């Protein structure tokens, strides 16, 4: 993992890479993209433990909050094209 602690839902800027996965922090969601092979060897175990730690941190943050039944859709705004 990285030297800086990834705190789920803490900000809109942290990005964590685990294997081929990219985990993006947001204040209302955690976005995970990419793919990963958890191979049957020591590197596979290390990646699996990193994912386990990440997901345990996400679950802990979710469990300590008063969650809505479902998030409302994001607000979409239009802005003028600065290149016109």
N, C-alpha and C. Protein backbone atom coordinates (compact mmCIF):
# COMPACT_ATOMS: atom_id res chain seq x y z
N UNK A 1 0.84 -1.18 0.00
CA UNK A 1 0.00 0.00 0.00
C UNK A 1 0.89 1.24 0.00
N UNK A 2 0.25 2.37 0.11
CA UNK A 2 1.04 3.60 0.07
C UNK A 2 1.35 4.07 1.49
N UNK A 3 2.29 5.01 1.58
CA UNK A 3 2.71 5.52 2.89
C UNK A 3 1.59 6.31 3.56
N UNK A 4 0.83 7.07 2.78
CA UNK A 4 -0.28 7.85 3.32
C UNK A 4 -1.49 6.93 3.52
N UNK A 5 -2.12 7.06 4.66
CA UNK A 5 -3.28 6.23 4.98
C UNK A 5 -4.48 6.62 4.12
N UNK A 6 -5.07 5.66 3.45
CA UNK A 6 -6.27 5.85 2.65
C UNK A 6 -7.46 5.73 3.59
N UNK A 7 -8.15 6.83 3.84
CA UNK A 7 -9.32 6.83 4.72
C UNK A 7 -10.57 6.91 3.85
N UNK A 8 -11.35 5.82 3.77
CA UNK A 8 -12.53 5.83 2.91
C UNK A 8 -13.48 6.98 3.21
N UNK A 9 -13.99 7.59 2.16
CA UNK A 9 -14.99 8.67 2.21
C UNK A 9 -14.46 9.96 2.83
N UNK A 10 -13.14 10.10 2.94
CA UNK A 10 -12.56 11.26 3.62
C UNK A 10 -12.39 12.47 2.72
N UNK A 11 -12.26 12.25 1.42
CA UNK A 11 -12.00 13.37 0.52
C UNK A 11 -12.30 12.97 -0.92
N UNK A 12 -12.03 13.88 -1.82
CA UNK A 12 -12.27 13.65 -3.25
C UNK A 12 -10.97 13.49 -4.03
N UNK A 13 -9.89 13.18 -3.35
CA UNK A 13 -8.61 13.20 -4.05
C UNK A 13 -7.75 11.95 -3.92
N UNK A 14 -7.90 11.17 -2.89
CA UNK A 14 -7.01 10.03 -2.69
C UNK A 14 -7.27 8.94 -3.72
N UNK A 15 -6.19 8.38 -4.23
CA UNK A 15 -6.26 7.24 -5.15
C UNK A 15 -5.27 6.20 -4.65
N UNK A 16 -5.71 4.96 -4.64
CA UNK A 16 -4.88 3.85 -4.17
C UNK A 16 -4.82 2.81 -5.27
N UNK A 17 -3.65 2.25 -5.51
CA UNK A 17 -3.49 1.18 -6.49
C UNK A 17 -3.14 -0.10 -5.75
N UNK A 18 -3.88 -1.15 -6.06
CA UNK A 18 -3.60 -2.48 -5.52
C UNK A 18 -3.59 -3.42 -6.72
N UNK A 19 -2.42 -3.95 -7.04
CA UNK A 19 -2.32 -4.78 -8.25
C UNK A 19 -2.76 -3.96 -9.44
N UNK A 20 -3.70 -4.48 -10.21
CA UNK A 20 -4.24 -3.76 -11.37
C UNK A 20 -5.49 -2.97 -11.05
N UNK A 21 -5.83 -2.82 -9.78
CA UNK A 21 -7.02 -2.07 -9.38
C UNK A 21 -6.66 -0.63 -9.04
N UNK A 22 -7.55 0.27 -9.39
CA UNK A 22 -7.44 1.65 -8.98
C UNK A 22 -8.63 1.94 -8.09
N UNK A 23 -8.38 2.40 -6.88
CA UNK A 23 -9.43 2.71 -5.91
C UNK A 23 -9.43 4.22 -5.73
N UNK A 24 -10.56 4.84 -6.06
CA UNK A 24 -10.69 6.29 -5.97
C UNK A 24 -11.58 6.66 -4.80
N UNK A 25 -11.11 7.56 -3.98
CA UNK A 25 -11.85 8.03 -2.82
C UNK A 25 -12.79 9.15 -3.23
N UNK A 26 -13.99 9.14 -2.70
CA UNK A 26 -14.96 10.21 -2.89
C UNK A 26 -15.63 10.40 -1.52
N UNK A 27 -16.32 11.49 -1.34
CA UNK A 27 -16.98 11.69 -0.05
C UNK A 27 -18.28 10.89 0.05
N UNK A 28 -18.79 10.40 -1.08
CA UNK A 28 -20.03 9.63 -1.04
C UNK A 28 -19.92 8.25 -1.66
N UNK A 29 -18.73 7.88 -2.11
CA UNK A 29 -18.55 6.55 -2.70
C UNK A 29 -17.07 6.23 -2.83
N UNK A 30 -16.80 4.94 -2.98
CA UNK A 30 -15.46 4.46 -3.30
C UNK A 30 -15.60 3.79 -4.66
N UNK A 31 -14.81 4.23 -5.63
CA UNK A 31 -14.87 3.66 -6.97
C UNK A 31 -13.67 2.75 -7.18
N UNK A 32 -13.94 1.52 -7.62
CA UNK A 32 -12.89 0.54 -7.86
C UNK A 32 -12.97 0.12 -9.32
N UNK A 33 -11.85 0.25 -10.03
CA UNK A 33 -11.83 -0.16 -11.44
C UNK A 33 -10.56 -0.93 -11.72
N UNK A 34 -10.59 -1.69 -12.79
CA UNK A 34 -9.44 -2.48 -13.17
C UNK A 34 -9.65 -3.96 -12.90
N UNK A 35 -8.57 -4.70 -12.92
CA UNK A 35 -8.66 -6.13 -12.61
C UNK A 35 -7.41 -6.55 -11.85
N UNK A 36 -7.54 -7.67 -11.21
CA UNK A 36 -6.45 -8.16 -10.37
C UNK A 36 -6.47 -9.69 -10.41
N UNK A 37 -5.32 -10.29 -10.39
CA UNK A 37 -5.21 -11.74 -10.26
C UNK A 37 -4.66 -12.04 -8.88
N UNK A 38 -5.43 -12.74 -8.10
CA UNK A 38 -4.97 -13.19 -6.78
C UNK A 38 -4.41 -14.59 -6.96
N UNK A 39 -3.15 -14.64 -7.29
CA UNK A 39 -2.50 -15.90 -7.60
C UNK A 39 -2.24 -16.72 -6.34
N UNK A 40 -2.09 -18.01 -6.56
CA UNK A 40 -1.89 -18.94 -5.45
C UNK A 40 -0.41 -18.98 -5.08
N UNK A 41 0.07 -17.82 -4.58
CA UNK A 41 1.47 -17.70 -4.18
C UNK A 41 1.59 -16.53 -3.20
N UNK A 42 2.81 -16.22 -2.77
CA UNK A 42 2.99 -15.16 -1.78
C UNK A 42 2.58 -13.78 -2.30
N UNK A 43 2.88 -13.42 -3.55
CA UNK A 43 2.38 -12.13 -4.04
C UNK A 43 0.85 -12.07 -4.07
N UNK A 44 0.21 -13.18 -4.42
CA UNK A 44 -1.25 -13.23 -4.41
C UNK A 44 -1.81 -13.03 -3.02
N UNK A 45 -1.17 -13.64 -2.04
CA UNK A 45 -1.58 -13.48 -0.64
C UNK A 45 -1.42 -12.04 -0.20
N UNK A 46 -0.31 -11.41 -0.59
CA UNK A 46 -0.07 -10.01 -0.20
C UNK A 46 -1.14 -9.09 -0.79
N UNK A 47 -1.50 -9.30 -2.06
CA UNK A 47 -2.55 -8.49 -2.67
C UNK A 47 -3.90 -8.74 -2.00
N UNK A 48 -4.19 -10.00 -1.70
CA UNK A 48 -5.45 -10.33 -1.03
C UNK A 48 -5.55 -9.65 0.33
N UNK A 49 -4.45 -9.61 1.07
CA UNK A 49 -4.45 -8.96 2.38
C UNK A 49 -4.64 -7.45 2.24
N UNK A 50 -4.06 -6.84 1.19
CA UNK A 50 -4.27 -5.41 0.96
C UNK A 50 -5.74 -5.12 0.68
N UNK A 51 -6.36 -5.97 -0.16
CA UNK A 51 -7.79 -5.80 -0.44
C UNK A 51 -8.63 -6.02 0.81
N UNK A 52 -8.27 -7.01 1.61
CA UNK A 52 -8.99 -7.29 2.85
C UNK A 52 -8.94 -6.09 3.79
N UNK A 53 -7.77 -5.47 3.92
CA UNK A 53 -7.62 -4.29 4.77
C UNK A 53 -8.46 -3.14 4.24
N UNK A 54 -8.38 -2.90 2.93
CA UNK A 54 -9.17 -1.83 2.32
C UNK A 54 -10.66 -2.03 2.58
N UNK A 55 -11.16 -3.23 2.30
CA UNK A 55 -12.59 -3.48 2.47
C UNK A 55 -13.01 -3.43 3.93
N UNK A 56 -12.15 -3.86 4.85
CA UNK A 56 -12.47 -3.75 6.27
C UNK A 56 -12.58 -2.29 6.67
N UNK A 57 -11.70 -1.44 6.13
CA UNK A 57 -11.77 0.00 6.41
C UNK A 57 -13.05 0.62 5.85
N UNK A 58 -13.44 0.20 4.63
CA UNK A 58 -14.68 0.70 4.02
C UNK A 58 -15.88 0.28 4.87
N UNK A 59 -15.94 -0.98 5.24
CA UNK A 59 -17.06 -1.48 6.05
C UNK A 59 -17.12 -0.74 7.39
N UNK A 60 -15.98 -0.52 8.02
CA UNK A 60 -15.95 0.19 9.31
C UNK A 60 -16.51 1.60 9.17
N UNK A 61 -16.14 2.30 8.10
CA UNK A 61 -16.67 3.65 7.88
C UNK A 61 -18.17 3.62 7.63
N UNK A 62 -18.63 2.65 6.86
CA UNK A 62 -20.07 2.55 6.59
C UNK A 62 -20.86 2.23 7.85
N UNK A 63 -20.33 1.34 8.68
CA UNK A 63 -21.04 0.91 9.88
C UNK A 63 -21.16 2.01 10.92
N UNK A 64 -20.27 2.99 10.93
CA UNK A 64 -20.35 4.02 11.96
C UNK A 64 -21.16 5.25 11.52
N UNK A 65 -21.82 5.16 10.38
CA UNK A 65 -22.61 6.28 9.88
C UNK A 65 -24.09 5.94 9.83
N UNK A 66 -24.90 6.97 9.89
CA UNK A 66 -26.34 6.81 9.70
C UNK A 66 -26.60 6.89 8.20
N UNK A 67 -26.78 5.74 7.57
CA UNK A 67 -26.86 5.67 6.12
C UNK A 67 -28.28 5.85 5.60
N UNK A 68 -28.43 6.54 4.47
CA UNK A 68 -29.74 6.62 3.83
C UNK A 68 -30.08 5.28 3.18
N UNK A 69 -31.34 5.08 2.84
CA UNK A 69 -31.72 3.84 2.16
C UNK A 69 -30.99 3.73 0.82
N UNK A 70 -30.82 4.88 0.15
CA UNK A 70 -30.09 4.92 -1.12
C UNK A 70 -29.67 6.36 -1.37
N UNK A 71 -28.49 6.53 -1.96
CA UNK A 71 -28.03 7.87 -2.29
C UNK A 71 -28.90 8.46 -3.40
N UNK A 72 -29.21 9.75 -3.33
CA UNK A 72 -29.92 10.38 -4.44
C UNK A 72 -28.98 10.48 -5.64
N UNK A 73 -29.54 10.60 -6.85
CA UNK A 73 -28.66 10.75 -8.01
C UNK A 73 -27.84 12.03 -7.89
N UNK A 74 -26.64 12.05 -8.46
CA UNK A 74 -25.81 13.25 -8.36
C UNK A 74 -26.45 14.43 -9.09
N UNK A 75 -26.19 15.62 -8.60
CA UNK A 75 -26.68 16.83 -9.23
C UNK A 75 -25.81 17.11 -10.45
N UNK A 76 -26.46 17.28 -11.59
CA UNK A 76 -25.73 17.54 -12.82
C UNK A 76 -26.00 18.99 -13.23
N UNK A 77 -24.93 19.73 -13.45
CA UNK A 77 -25.07 21.12 -13.87
C UNK A 77 -24.37 21.31 -15.22
N UNK A 78 -24.88 22.22 -16.00
CA UNK A 78 -24.27 22.57 -17.28
C UNK A 78 -23.50 23.86 -17.13
N UNK A 79 -22.38 23.93 -17.78
CA UNK A 79 -21.58 25.16 -17.77
C UNK A 79 -21.31 25.57 -19.21
N UNK A 80 -21.07 26.84 -19.43
CA UNK A 80 -20.76 27.33 -20.76
C UNK A 80 -19.43 26.77 -21.23
N UNK A 81 -19.35 26.46 -22.50
CA UNK A 81 -18.12 25.94 -23.08
C UNK A 81 -17.10 27.09 -23.17
N UNK A 82 -15.98 26.99 -22.48
CA UNK A 82 -15.01 28.08 -22.48
C UNK A 82 -14.26 28.22 -23.81
N UNK A 83 -14.42 27.25 -24.71
CA UNK A 83 -13.70 27.28 -25.97
C UNK A 83 -14.55 27.85 -27.13
N UNK A 84 -15.76 28.25 -26.83
CA UNK A 84 -16.61 28.83 -27.88
C UNK A 84 -16.47 30.33 -27.92
